[in-house]
Amino acid sequence: MAMSKVNGLMRTKLGLTLIEVLIALAILSIALTAMIKASSQTILDTLYLQNKMVANWVGMEVINETRAGVIKLPMAPARVEEERDRLGQTWLWRGQLTITPNTHIRAIQVDVFLPQTQQPPLAHLTGYLYVE
C-alpha cells in the first residue's frame, strides 16, 4: 500500500492502476493460450496413436488370416486391396506375398491406410508364411 500526500494530508492508494491490470490480463491470456495449445496437441497425438494402433490390429488380422488360409494373397507385384470396418472406421489394406532367400518361406507384406486420406500407410507390417 502506497502513501501519497495531497493537500498536505497523507492518503493511502487502494487498488491497482489500469496499466497494472492490463499487464496482468496480458500475462494471464498468454499463459492460458499456451495451456490450450498444449491440450490441443495432446488430443491430436492421442488420435494419431489410436489410429496407428487400430491400423496395426487390422494388419495383424490380415497376416493371421493369410497364415490360416482364410485369405489368399498373390505374389508381388500383384496385390489384394480390401476394406474393413473396425471401431467405427473403414480401413483400407493392401497385401501381397514376396519371395525370401529361403524357398519355403514367403514374406507377407501388408499396408494399412485410412481410405479418406492421401497419407502414407499408418501401418506397414511384415509376417512370414511357410509353404511346402
Protein backbone atom coordinates (compact mmCIF):
# COMPACT_ATOMS: atom_id res chain seq x y z
CA MET A 1 0.00 0.00 0.00
CA ALA A 2 1.49 3.31 -1.06
CA MET A 3 1.07 6.65 0.72
CA SER A 4 0.61 9.90 -1.17
CA LYS A 5 0.45 13.47 0.04
CA VAL A 6 -2.46 15.50 -1.32
CA ASN A 7 -3.23 18.99 0.07
CA GLY A 8 -0.91 18.35 2.95
CA LEU A 9 -2.78 15.22 4.04
CA MET A 10 -1.49 11.69 3.88
CA ARG A 11 -3.76 9.38 1.85
CA THR A 12 -3.41 5.72 1.06
CA LYS A 13 -3.85 4.46 -2.52
CA LEU A 14 -6.09 1.43 -2.70
CA GLY A 15 -6.28 -0.86 -5.74
CA LEU A 16 -4.30 -1.17 -8.93
CA THR A 17 -3.82 1.22 -11.79
CA LEU A 18 -5.29 0.47 -15.20
CA ILE A 19 -1.85 -0.31 -16.65
CA GLU A 20 -1.16 -2.86 -13.91
CA VAL A 21 -4.49 -4.57 -14.58
CA LEU A 22 -3.87 -4.68 -18.33
CA ILE A 23 -0.40 -6.17 -17.86
CA ALA A 24 -1.78 -8.82 -15.52
CA LEU A 25 -4.52 -9.70 -18.03
CA ALA A 26 -1.96 -9.93 -20.85
CA ILE A 27 0.21 -12.32 -18.83
CA LEU A 28 -2.82 -14.41 -17.91
CA SER A 29 -4.04 -14.61 -21.52
CA ILE A 30 -0.59 -15.73 -22.75
CA ALA A 31 -0.46 -18.45 -20.10
CA LEU A 32 -3.99 -19.68 -20.89
CA THR A 33 -3.25 -19.70 -24.64
CA ALA A 34 -0.18 -21.86 -24.06
CA MET A 35 -2.20 -24.30 -21.94
CA ILE A 36 -4.94 -24.58 -24.58
CA LYS A 37 -2.36 -25.17 -27.33
CA ALA A 38 -0.67 -27.90 -25.30
CA SER A 39 -4.01 -29.59 -24.62
CA SER A 40 -4.95 -29.41 -28.29
CA GLN A 41 -1.66 -31.01 -29.35
CA THR A 42 -2.14 -33.79 -26.80
CA ILE A 43 -5.59 -34.55 -28.23
CA LEU A 44 -4.18 -34.72 -31.78
CA ASP A 45 -1.36 -37.01 -30.64
CA THR A 46 -3.83 -39.30 -28.89
CA LEU A 47 -5.97 -39.56 -32.03
CA TYR A 48 -2.91 -40.39 -34.15
CA LEU A 49 -1.78 -43.10 -31.73
CA GLN A 50 -5.28 -44.58 -31.61
CA ASN A 51 -5.42 -44.75 -35.42
CA LYS A 52 -1.94 -46.27 -35.59
CA MET A 53 -2.86 -48.92 -33.02
CA VAL A 54 -6.06 -49.89 -34.88
CA ALA A 55 -4.14 -49.98 -38.19
CA ASN A 56 -1.68 -52.42 -36.60
CA TRP A 57 -4.59 -54.58 -35.41
CA VAL A 58 -6.04 -54.66 -38.94
CA GLY A 59 -2.64 -55.54 -40.42
CA MET A 60 -2.02 -58.33 -37.91
CA GLU A 61 -5.51 -59.66 -38.58
CA VAL A 62 -4.73 -59.87 -42.31
CA ILE A 63 -1.38 -61.59 -41.65
CA ASN A 64 -3.01 -64.13 -39.31
CA GLU A 65 -5.84 -64.83 -41.77
CA THR A 66 -3.26 -65.37 -44.52
CA ARG A 67 -1.35 -67.82 -42.33
CA ALA A 68 -4.62 -69.64 -41.53
CA GLY A 69 -5.51 -69.87 -45.23
CA VAL A 70 -8.61 -67.65 -44.95
CA ILE A 71 -7.11 -65.06 -47.32
CA LYS A 72 -5.06 -65.95 -50.41
CA LEU A 73 -2.58 -63.21 -51.23
CA PRO A 74 -0.92 -63.10 -54.67
CA MET A 75 2.81 -62.95 -55.29
CA ALA A 76 4.28 -59.48 -55.92
CA PRO A 77 3.88 -57.33 -57.97
CA ALA A 78 0.16 -58.23 -57.86
CA ARG A 79 -1.64 -57.41 -54.62
CA VAL A 80 -5.02 -57.58 -52.94
CA GLU A 81 -6.76 -54.41 -51.76
CA GLU A 82 -9.78 -54.56 -49.46
CA GLU A 83 -11.60 -52.53 -46.84
CA ARG A 84 -12.52 -53.50 -43.27
CA ASP A 85 -14.65 -51.77 -40.69
CA ARG A 86 -13.10 -51.59 -37.24
CA LEU A 87 -14.12 -49.36 -34.33
CA GLY A 88 -16.48 -47.31 -36.43
CA GLN A 89 -13.95 -46.53 -39.17
CA THR A 90 -13.25 -48.03 -42.56
CA TRP A 91 -9.67 -49.20 -43.07
CA LEU A 92 -8.05 -49.94 -46.42
CA TRP A 93 -5.40 -52.66 -46.52
CA ARG A 94 -3.14 -53.85 -49.32
CA GLY A 95 -1.34 -57.15 -49.14
CA GLN A 96 0.99 -59.31 -51.19
CA LEU A 97 3.45 -62.16 -50.85
CA THR A 98 7.12 -61.69 -51.69
CA ILE A 99 9.95 -64.15 -52.15
CA THR A 100 12.59 -64.61 -49.44
CA PRO A 101 16.01 -66.25 -49.72
CA ASN A 102 14.50 -69.43 -48.23
CA THR A 103 12.39 -71.18 -50.89
CA HIS A 104 9.94 -72.45 -48.27
CA ILE A 105 9.27 -69.04 -46.71
CA ARG A 106 7.19 -66.19 -48.18
CA ALA A 107 7.03 -62.70 -46.72
CA ILE A 108 3.54 -61.30 -46.18
CA GLN A 109 3.59 -57.53 -46.78
CA VAL A 110 0.57 -55.56 -45.52
CA ASP A 111 -0.02 -51.79 -45.63
CA VAL A 112 -2.99 -50.25 -43.80
CA PHE A 113 -4.46 -46.82 -44.59
CA LEU A 114 -7.38 -44.62 -43.69
CA PRO A 115 -9.02 -44.53 -47.15
CA GLN A 116 -10.26 -40.92 -46.98
CA THR A 117 -6.73 -39.57 -46.53
CA GLN A 118 -3.94 -39.35 -49.08
CA GLN A 119 -1.29 -40.07 -46.46
CA PRO A 120 1.34 -42.81 -46.33
CA PRO A 121 0.23 -46.03 -44.63
CA LEU A 122 -0.40 -45.83 -40.90
CA ALA A 123 0.99 -49.35 -40.56
CA HIS A 124 3.37 -51.41 -42.69
CA LEU A 125 3.63 -54.96 -41.39
CA THR A 126 5.64 -57.96 -42.48
CA GLY A 127 4.88 -61.53 -41.50
CA TYR A 128 6.16 -64.84 -42.80
CA LEU A 129 4.39 -67.85 -44.22
CA TYR A 130 5.77 -71.36 -44.55
CA VAL A 131 4.97 -73.01 -47.89
CA GLU A 132 5.64 -76.61 -48.87
